Amino acid sequence: MRKAIPLVIGFVTGTFMFVQFFVPHEAGEYGYKLLLDWVQIISAFAMILGLASLFHSNWEKVRRRRRDYGYSVVTLVAFVFMVYVGLFRPGEPVQPRGWVYGRDSQGAVGRWDRELGREDQFSLLIESDQDTGHGSWSNHGTGWQVNWGRVPVMARCPYEVSVYCRAQPAGGPVAALEVSYVDERGEPLPREHPRVEAKPDTADWQQLKVPTKAPEGAAEMHIKLSATGRGKVWFDDLGIRQTEGMASISPPNPKFDQPERLPTIRKLADTEDGSGFKWLFDNVLVPLDATMFSLLAFFMASAAYRTFRARTPEATVLLVVAVIIMLGRVPLGELIHKQFPELCEWFMMVPTVAARRGILFGVALGSIATSLRIILGIERSHLGGS
């Protein structure tokens, strides 16, 4: 029974994948996409299992003081340190709850200012030292959704969105408030986005107001606070109200005084590398990779020297072709004879491609045979049998 169930699963899954490829149907396409989702989930668990196995095997080697266990100590220290830096991203600032700094920002930096506000000491800040710098804060993003500030709305209802802003210096950066809508699936609705800009002639706090009406099919409101130009812009005290009936809507973290929830998960799901993680990757892993490949080049040269000894007819052919290819790829070959590059190209495009196609045909036929053996239950080595 322990082997019968995996065999049945393998037969049903393999047969389904084979049939859906040749018989296009909506049900087949849905099942194919569903299986791909399952593969991603299984791959994630397989990665976790692989990491646990790596840790356990090296830990056992250190615990039992086996030969060369010092390398395992280095591996474990690096393993734990990289996991800590990758998960917790030390040194990265905490974001305000419900707000995400825009990935489309250019030449501007956004941060959570906890020293200056309109009535308290919290606000959203956008700072740029370029005349064309642009940055924006919004209540939605592309990362972990637990920190999005969702604003549910009712379709065809009018609203008024307001926020206070302050620019420094006066006449410098231009602050703006923009509103857009999405449907229940999160798809943006094709409609003009109401937008208003601040007056650039004052450095005091001023209120921006945007009257808007939720279109048909709207489910959520997206708010964008942006700044363009050289200088600093602060945003504080966000407000949303329904103009018909004067009902207020609780916006996400309106005073920007609450920290984000579960910052560790946000940093883990963030597609951009953090400063510490990126520094370790660029300054540790990349040089180590370069060192390994440089050592590989010496091993390849040594192997080529042993292989190219013309002791047999096959080795002689390999040696002659290798010399032609090497000379045809460098300027020296063309200086020796102008036909060297063309001869090299002929070897690369005709005999090499023919041999490659033969190898690919063999691999394809072997894959088909192995797949059929697994589907039919003939091959059981993956189950621990013979």
Protein backbone atom coordinates (compact mmCIF):
# COMPACT_ATOMS: atom_id res chain seq x y z
CA MET A 1 0.00 0.00 0.00
CA ARG A 2 2.91 2.34 0.74
CA LYS A 3 4.09 1.93 -2.85
CA ALA A 4 0.72 1.44 -4.53
CA ILE A 5 -0.55 4.95 -3.72
CA PRO A 6 2.55 6.77 -5.13
CA LEU A 7 2.35 4.58 -8.25
CA VAL A 8 -1.33 5.47 -8.77
CA ILE A 9 -0.58 9.18 -8.26
CA GLY A 10 2.30 8.99 -10.74
CA PHE A 11 0.18 7.18 -13.32
CA VAL A 12 -2.80 9.56 -13.06
CA THR A 13 -0.64 12.71 -13.06
CA GLY A 14 1.59 11.57 -15.92
CA THR A 15 -1.37 10.48 -18.04
CA PHE A 16 -3.18 13.77 -17.41
CA MET A 17 -0.13 15.86 -18.38
CA PHE A 18 0.28 13.80 -21.55
CA VAL A 19 -3.39 14.07 -22.58
CA GLN A 20 -3.80 17.79 -21.80
CA PHE A 21 -0.81 18.63 -24.01
CA PHE A 22 -2.44 17.06 -27.09
CA VAL A 23 -6.11 17.75 -26.21
CA PRO A 24 -6.61 21.48 -25.51
CA HIS A 25 -9.57 22.11 -23.23
CA GLU A 26 -10.44 24.61 -20.51
CA ALA A 27 -10.54 21.88 -17.87
CA GLY A 28 -7.13 20.63 -18.96
CA GLU A 29 -5.62 24.12 -18.88
CA TYR A 30 -7.08 24.74 -15.43
CA GLY A 31 -5.68 21.46 -14.13
CA TYR A 32 -2.30 22.21 -15.70
CA LYS A 33 -2.09 25.59 -13.98
CA LEU A 34 -3.23 24.01 -10.71
CA LEU A 35 -0.50 21.40 -10.94
CA LEU A 36 2.06 24.13 -11.62
CA ASP A 37 0.94 25.87 -8.43
CA TRP A 38 1.36 22.61 -6.54
CA VAL A 39 4.84 22.21 -7.99
CA GLN A 40 5.79 25.65 -6.67
CA ILE A 41 4.50 24.75 -3.22
CA ILE A 42 6.34 21.43 -3.24
CA SER A 43 9.49 23.19 -4.46
CA ALA A 44 9.29 25.58 -1.51
CA PHE A 45 9.04 22.68 0.93
CA ALA A 46 11.85 20.89 -0.90
CA MET A 47 14.04 23.95 -0.47
CA ILE A 48 13.26 24.04 3.24
CA LEU A 49 14.02 20.33 3.47
CA GLY A 50 17.31 20.86 1.64
CA LEU A 51 18.34 23.68 3.98
CA ALA A 52 17.48 21.55 7.01
CA SER A 53 19.48 18.66 5.57
CA LEU A 54 22.47 20.93 4.94
CA PHE A 55 22.36 22.22 8.50
CA HIS A 56 21.90 18.76 10.02
CA SER A 57 24.68 17.07 8.05
CA ASN A 58 27.21 19.77 8.89
CA TRP A 59 26.09 19.88 12.52
CA GLU A 60 26.58 16.13 12.86
CA LYS A 61 30.03 16.45 11.34
CA VAL A 62 30.98 19.12 13.88
CA ARG A 63 29.39 17.30 16.81
CA ARG A 64 31.24 14.05 16.06
CA ARG A 65 34.51 15.87 15.27
CA ARG A 66 34.88 14.15 11.94
CA ARG A 67 37.70 14.84 9.53
CA ASP A 68 37.81 18.43 8.20
CA TYR A 69 34.95 19.46 10.46
CA GLY A 70 36.38 22.99 10.48
CA TYR A 71 34.86 23.55 7.04
CA SER A 72 31.49 22.57 8.47
CA VAL A 73 31.94 25.15 11.25
CA VAL A 74 32.51 27.87 8.65
CA THR A 75 29.48 26.63 6.68
CA LEU A 76 27.21 26.69 9.74
CA VAL A 77 28.36 30.16 10.82
CA ALA A 78 27.82 31.55 7.33
CA PHE A 79 24.48 29.73 7.06
CA VAL A 80 23.09 31.17 10.30
CA PHE A 81 24.46 34.65 9.61
CA MET A 82 23.01 34.85 6.08
CA VAL A 83 19.63 33.57 7.30
CA TYR A 84 19.60 36.25 10.01
CA VAL A 85 20.54 39.02 7.59
CA GLY A 86 18.10 37.80 4.95
CA LEU A 87 15.15 37.55 7.32
CA PHE A 88 15.62 40.50 9.66
CA ARG A 89 17.61 42.84 7.38
CA PRO A 90 19.42 44.67 10.22
CA GLY A 91 19.91 48.35 9.61
CA GLU A 92 16.86 48.79 7.41
CA PRO A 93 14.34 51.37 8.61
CA VAL A 94 10.88 50.36 9.80
CA GLN A 95 8.09 51.55 7.53
CA PRO A 96 4.85 53.21 8.67
CA ARG A 97 1.90 50.83 8.80
CA GLY A 98 -0.27 50.86 5.70
CA TRP A 99 2.12 52.82 3.46
CA VAL A 100 4.70 51.79 0.90
CA TYR A 101 7.32 53.93 -0.79
CA GLY A 102 7.00 53.74 -4.56
CA ARG A 103 9.30 51.53 -6.60
CA ASP A 104 8.90 53.93 -9.55
CA SER A 105 10.63 56.73 -7.65
CA GLN A 106 13.72 58.21 -9.30
CA GLY A 107 16.31 60.47 -7.72
CA ALA A 108 14.33 60.76 -4.48
CA VAL A 109 14.38 59.03 -1.11
CA GLY A 110 11.33 58.33 1.03
CA ARG A 111 11.48 57.67 4.75
CA TRP A 112 9.30 57.72 7.82
CA ASP A 113 10.08 60.95 9.66
CA ARG A 114 9.56 60.50 13.41
CA GLU A 115 10.78 63.94 14.41
CA LEU A 116 8.57 66.37 12.49
CA GLY A 117 4.81 66.45 12.02
CA ARG A 118 1.94 68.91 11.75
CA GLU A 119 0.59 68.31 15.26
CA ASP A 120 2.89 65.53 16.46
CA GLN A 121 6.29 64.19 15.48
CA PHE A 122 5.33 61.73 12.72
CA SER A 123 5.02 62.28 8.97
CA LEU A 124 5.94 60.87 5.58
CA LEU A 125 8.99 62.50 4.01
CA ILE A 126 10.21 62.62 0.40
CA GLU A 127 13.64 64.13 -0.14
CA SER A 128 15.58 64.79 -3.34
CA ASP A 129 18.75 66.62 -4.32
CA GLN A 130 17.86 66.64 -8.03
CA ASP A 131 15.64 69.06 -9.93
CA THR A 132 13.97 66.14 -11.70
CA GLY A 133 13.77 63.89 -8.63
CA HIS A 134 10.42 62.21 -8.07
CA GLY A 135 9.12 60.05 -5.23
CA SER A 136 5.76 58.83 -3.97
CA TRP A 137 4.09 57.10 -1.02
CA SER A 138 0.97 54.98 -1.53
CA ASN A 139 -1.34 52.73 0.44
CA HIS A 140 -0.67 49.77 -1.85
CA GLY A 141 2.39 48.05 -3.24
CA THR A 142 3.77 44.91 -4.84
CA GLY A 143 5.15 43.24 -1.72
CA TRP A 144 3.65 41.64 1.38
CA GLN A 145 -0.02 42.68 1.57
CA VAL A 146 -0.24 42.67 5.37
CA ASN A 147 1.18 46.20 5.35
CA TRP A 148 -1.09 47.61 2.69
CA GLY A 149 -3.55 50.24 3.84
CA ARG A 150 -6.78 49.09 2.26
CA VAL A 151 -9.55 51.66 1.81
CA PRO A 152 -12.82 49.93 0.81
CA VAL A 153 -15.30 52.14 -1.03
CA MET A 154 -18.78 51.88 -2.52
CA ALA A 155 -19.21 52.27 -6.25
CA ARG A 156 -20.80 55.50 -7.54
CA CYS A 157 -20.32 57.25 -4.18
CA PRO A 158 -18.62 60.68 -3.97
CA TYR A 159 -15.66 61.16 -1.63
CA GLU A 160 -13.27 63.88 -0.57
CA VAL A 161 -9.65 63.00 0.18
CA SER A 162 -7.45 65.51 1.98
CA VAL A 163 -3.91 65.64 3.33
CA TYR A 164 -1.61 68.31 4.77
CA CYS A 165 1.77 68.90 3.18
CA ARG A 166 4.77 71.12 3.73
CA ALA A 167 7.59 71.87 1.29
CA GLN A 168 11.10 73.08 1.98
CA PRO A 169 12.36 75.37 0.57
CA ALA A 170 9.42 77.47 -0.53
CA GLY A 171 9.04 77.40 -4.30
CA GLY A 172 11.05 74.17 -4.48
CA PRO A 173 9.51 70.70 -4.75
CA VAL A 174 5.88 70.31 -5.82
CA ALA A 175 3.69 68.12 -3.63
CA ALA A 176 0.67 66.32 -5.11
CA LEU A 177 -2.26 64.15 -4.02
CA GLU A 178 -3.69 61.60 -6.47
CA VAL A 179 -6.59 59.14 -6.15
CA SER A 180 -7.35 56.02 -8.19
CA TYR A 181 -9.57 52.94 -7.87
CA VAL A 182 -9.35 49.19 -8.36
CA ASP A 183 -11.96 46.46 -8.63
CA GLU A 184 -12.43 43.37 -6.43
CA ARG A 185 -9.59 41.56 -8.21
CA GLY A 186 -7.20 44.45 -7.67
CA GLU A 187 -7.24 45.47 -11.33
CA PRO A 188 -7.02 49.25 -11.94
CA LEU A 189 -10.14 50.80 -13.41
CA PRO A 190 -9.70 52.73 -16.67
CA ARG A 191 -10.57 56.19 -15.49
CA GLU A 192 -8.86 59.57 -15.06
CA HIS A 193 -7.10 59.88 -11.70
CA PRO A 194 -8.15 63.01 -9.79
CA ARG A 195 -5.03 64.96 -8.80
CA VAL A 196 -4.23 68.24 -7.08
CA GLU A 197 -0.89 69.98 -6.50
CA ALA A 198 0.22 72.23 -3.65
CA LYS A 199 1.02 75.89 -4.06
CA PRO A 200 4.82 76.19 -4.25
CA ASP A 201 5.00 79.74 -2.84
CA THR A 202 4.75 78.86 0.85
CA ALA A 203 6.72 76.74 3.30
CA ASP A 204 3.84 76.41 5.80
CA TRP A 205 1.51 73.44 6.16
CA GLN A 206 -1.25 73.56 3.55
CA GLN A 207 -4.17 71.24 2.91
CA LEU A 208 -4.71 69.46 -0.37
CA LYS A 209 -8.26 68.31 -1.23
CA VAL A 210 -9.37 66.02 -4.03
CA PRO A 211 -13.10 65.59 -4.73
CA THR A 212 -13.68 62.25 -6.44
CA LYS A 213 -16.41 59.76 -7.24
CA ALA A 214 -15.89 56.00 -7.15
CA PRO A 215 -16.66 54.58 -10.62
CA GLU A 216 -18.78 51.56 -11.39
CA GLY A 217 -17.14 48.38 -10.14
CA ALA A 218 -14.81 50.14 -7.70
CA ALA A 219 -13.94 48.16 -4.56
CA GLU A 220 -10.90 49.97 -3.11
CA MET A 221 -9.31 53.39 -3.25
CA HIS A 222 -5.61 53.91 -3.88
CA ILE A 223 -4.02 57.10 -2.58
CA LYS A 224 -0.73 58.44 -3.86
CA LEU A 225 1.30 61.17 -2.14
CA SER A 226 4.08 62.38 -4.41
CA ALA A 227 6.74 65.09 -4.67
CA THR A 228 8.76 66.31 -7.63
CA GLY A 229 11.80 68.57 -7.55
CA ARG A 230 14.77 69.43 -5.33
CA GLY A 231 14.06 69.72 -1.60
CA LYS A 232 11.91 68.07 1.07
CA VAL A 233 8.16 67.46 1.31
CA TRP A 234 6.31 66.21 4.41
CA PHE A 235 2.79 64.71 4.43
CA ASP A 236 0.58 64.41 7.51
CA ASP A 237 -3.04 64.12 8.71
CA LEU A 238 -4.77 62.22 5.92
CA GLY A 239 -8.57 62.38 5.81
CA ILE A 240 -11.29 60.66 3.75
CA ARG A 241 -14.99 61.39 3.97
CA GLN A 242 -18.09 60.59 1.98
CA THR A 243 -19.53 63.89 0.77
CA GLU A 244 -23.08 62.56 0.59
CA GLY A 245 -24.15 61.89 4.14
CA MET A 246 -20.88 63.30 5.56
CA ALA A 247 -19.79 59.87 6.72
CA SER A 248 -16.07 59.55 7.50
CA ILE A 249 -13.88 56.67 6.38
CA SER A 250 -11.02 55.52 8.52
CA PRO A 251 -7.92 55.82 6.28
CA PRO A 252 -4.86 53.66 6.90
CA ASN A 253 -2.70 55.16 9.65
CA PRO A 254 -3.87 58.75 8.93
CA LYS A 255 -1.33 60.43 11.24
CA PHE A 256 1.50 58.12 10.13
CA ASP A 257 2.38 57.40 13.75
CA GLN A 258 2.04 53.58 13.79
CA PRO A 259 4.84 51.20 12.75
CA GLU A 260 4.28 48.41 10.24
CA ARG A 261 3.06 44.99 11.30
CA LEU A 262 5.31 41.94 10.87
CA PRO A 263 8.29 43.80 9.36
CA THR A 264 10.26 40.55 9.17
CA ILE A 265 7.72 39.01 6.77
CA ARG A 266 7.66 42.18 4.70
CA LYS A 267 11.43 42.15 4.36
CA LEU A 268 11.38 38.44 3.50
CA ALA A 269 8.75 38.90 0.79
CA ASP A 270 10.33 42.09 -0.55
CA THR A 271 11.72 41.57 -4.04
CA GLU A 272 14.47 44.14 -3.54
CA ASP A 273 17.57 43.20 -1.62
CA GLY A 274 18.24 45.00 1.62
CA SER A 275 21.42 46.95 2.17
CA GLY A 276 23.11 44.38 4.44
CA PHE A 277 22.04 41.38 2.39
CA LYS A 278 23.09 43.02 -0.88
CA TRP A 279 26.46 44.03 0.61
CA LEU A 280 27.18 40.45 1.66
CA PHE A 281 26.11 39.15 -1.74
CA ASP A 282 28.23 41.63 -3.71
CA ASN A 283 31.31 41.57 -1.48
CA VAL A 284 31.40 37.95 -0.28
CA LEU A 285 29.51 35.61 -2.60
CA VAL A 286 30.52 37.23 -5.90
CA PRO A 287 34.29 37.19 -5.09
CA LEU A 288 33.99 33.57 -3.93
CA ASP A 289 32.27 32.66 -7.21
CA ALA A 290 35.01 34.43 -9.16
CA THR A 291 37.66 32.49 -7.20
CA MET A 292 35.96 29.15 -7.88
CA PHE A 293 35.68 29.85 -11.61
CA SER A 294 39.30 30.99 -11.79
CA LEU A 295 40.36 27.67 -10.23
CA LEU A 296 38.09 25.88 -12.70
CA ALA A 297 39.98 27.53 -15.57
CA PHE A 298 43.25 25.94 -14.40
CA PHE A 299 41.59 22.54 -14.08
CA MET A 300 40.22 22.89 -17.60
CA ALA A 301 43.66 23.80 -18.95
CA SER A 302 45.19 20.77 -17.21
CA ALA A 303 42.45 18.46 -18.52
CA ALA A 304 42.84 19.86 -22.04
CA TYR A 305 46.60 19.21 -21.92
CA ARG A 306 46.02 15.57 -20.98
CA THR A 307 43.20 15.10 -23.49
CA PHE A 308 44.91 16.69 -26.49
CA ARG A 309 47.80 14.23 -26.53
CA ALA A 310 47.65 12.75 -30.03
CA ARG A 311 47.96 9.09 -29.06
CA THR A 312 44.90 7.87 -31.00
CA PRO A 313 43.19 8.99 -34.25
CA GLU A 314 40.25 10.37 -32.27
CA ALA A 315 42.54 12.42 -30.04
CA THR A 316 44.37 13.70 -33.13
CA VAL A 317 41.11 14.91 -34.70
CA LEU A 318 40.12 16.55 -31.43
CA LEU A 319 43.50 18.29 -31.19
CA VAL A 320 43.39 19.60 -34.77
CA VAL A 321 39.83 20.91 -34.47
CA ALA A 322 40.57 22.51 -31.10
CA VAL A 323 43.60 24.35 -32.55
CA ILE A 324 41.51 25.59 -35.50
CA ILE A 325 38.72 26.80 -33.20
CA MET A 326 41.14 28.58 -30.87
CA LEU A 327 42.99 30.29 -33.73
CA GLY A 328 39.73 31.22 -35.46
CA ARG A 329 38.41 32.94 -32.34
CA VAL A 330 41.38 35.29 -31.91
CA PRO A 331 42.89 37.92 -34.24
CA LEU A 332 46.08 35.84 -34.55
CA GLY A 333 44.25 33.24 -36.64
CA GLU A 334 43.19 35.77 -39.27
CA LEU A 335 46.78 37.03 -39.46
CA ILE A 336 48.02 33.49 -40.15
CA HIS A 337 45.38 32.86 -42.82
CA LYS A 338 42.27 34.80 -43.73
CA GLN A 339 40.23 31.57 -44.00
CA PHE A 340 40.71 30.62 -40.36
CA PRO A 341 37.62 32.51 -39.05
CA GLU A 342 35.41 31.06 -41.80
CA LEU A 343 36.70 27.55 -41.16
CA CYS A 344 36.09 27.99 -37.44
CA GLU A 345 32.53 29.17 -38.13
CA TRP A 346 31.92 26.15 -40.37
CA PHE A 347 33.04 23.77 -37.62
CA MET A 348 30.78 25.53 -35.12
CA MET A 349 27.70 25.60 -37.36
CA VAL A 350 27.85 22.24 -39.17
CA PRO A 351 29.61 19.38 -37.33
CA THR A 352 29.02 20.82 -33.88
CA VAL A 353 25.30 21.48 -34.47
CA ALA A 354 24.86 18.01 -35.99
CA ALA A 355 26.48 16.35 -32.97
CA ARG A 356 24.43 18.51 -30.62
CA ARG A 357 21.20 17.54 -32.35
CA GLY A 358 22.11 13.88 -32.08
CA ILE A 359 22.76 14.27 -28.36
CA LEU A 360 19.47 16.13 -27.91
CA PHE A 361 17.57 13.42 -29.78
CA GLY A 362 19.14 10.81 -27.53
CA VAL A 363 18.28 12.79 -24.41
CA ALA A 364 14.69 13.25 -25.61
CA LEU A 365 14.23 9.55 -26.37
CA GLY A 366 15.77 8.63 -23.02
CA SER A 367 13.47 11.07 -21.22
CA ILE A 368 10.42 9.63 -22.98
CA ALA A 369 11.44 6.08 -22.12
CA THR A 370 12.10 6.95 -18.49
CA SER A 371 8.80 8.84 -18.23
CA LEU A 372 6.85 5.89 -19.63
CA ARG A 373 8.58 3.52 -17.24
CA ILE A 374 7.65 5.76 -14.29
CA ILE A 375 4.04 6.25 -15.45
CA LEU A 376 3.54 2.52 -15.99
CA GLY A 377 5.18 1.65 -12.67
CA ILE A 378 8.08 -0.25 -14.21
CA GLU A 379 10.70 2.16 -12.83
CA ARG A 380 10.46 2.22 -9.03
CA SER A 381 13.90 3.41 -7.98
CA HIS A 382 12.41 6.75 -6.88
CA LEU A 383 10.31 4.79 -4.34
CA GLY A 384 13.31 3.10 -2.81
CA GLY A 385 12.92 -0.12 -4.78
CA SER A 386 14.96 -1.65 -7.57
